[in-house]
Amino acid sequence: MRYSPSGVALIFVVAVSNHKS
């Protein structure tokens, strides 16, 4: 399975938001 830069960025943003929340 290939990971797209946008997909990785989206997951990163979600992770940070979830951690802050």
Protein backbone atom coordinates (compact mmCIF):
# COMPACT_ATOMS: atom_id res chain seq x y z
CA MET A 1 0.00 0.00 0.00
CA ARG A 2 1.37 3.43 -0.93
CA TYR A 3 1.07 6.47 1.31
CA SER A 4 0.38 9.83 -0.28
CA PRO A 5 1.95 13.01 1.23
CA SER A 6 -1.49 14.56 1.64
CA GLY A 7 -2.73 11.45 3.42
CA VAL A 8 0.20 11.48 5.83
CA ALA A 9 -0.31 15.21 6.49
CA LEU A 10 -4.01 14.65 7.15
CA ILE A 11 -3.31 11.87 9.63
CA PHE A 12 -0.68 14.04 11.33
CA VAL A 13 -3.10 16.96 11.69
CA VAL A 14 -5.81 14.69 13.05
CA ALA A 15 -3.36 13.17 15.54
CA VAL A 16 -2.23 16.59 16.77
CA SER A 17 -5.80 17.86 17.04
CA ASN A 18 -6.86 14.71 18.88
CA HIS A 19 -3.90 15.05 21.27
CA LYS A 20 -4.67 18.71 22.00
CA SER A 21 -8.36 18.09 22.47
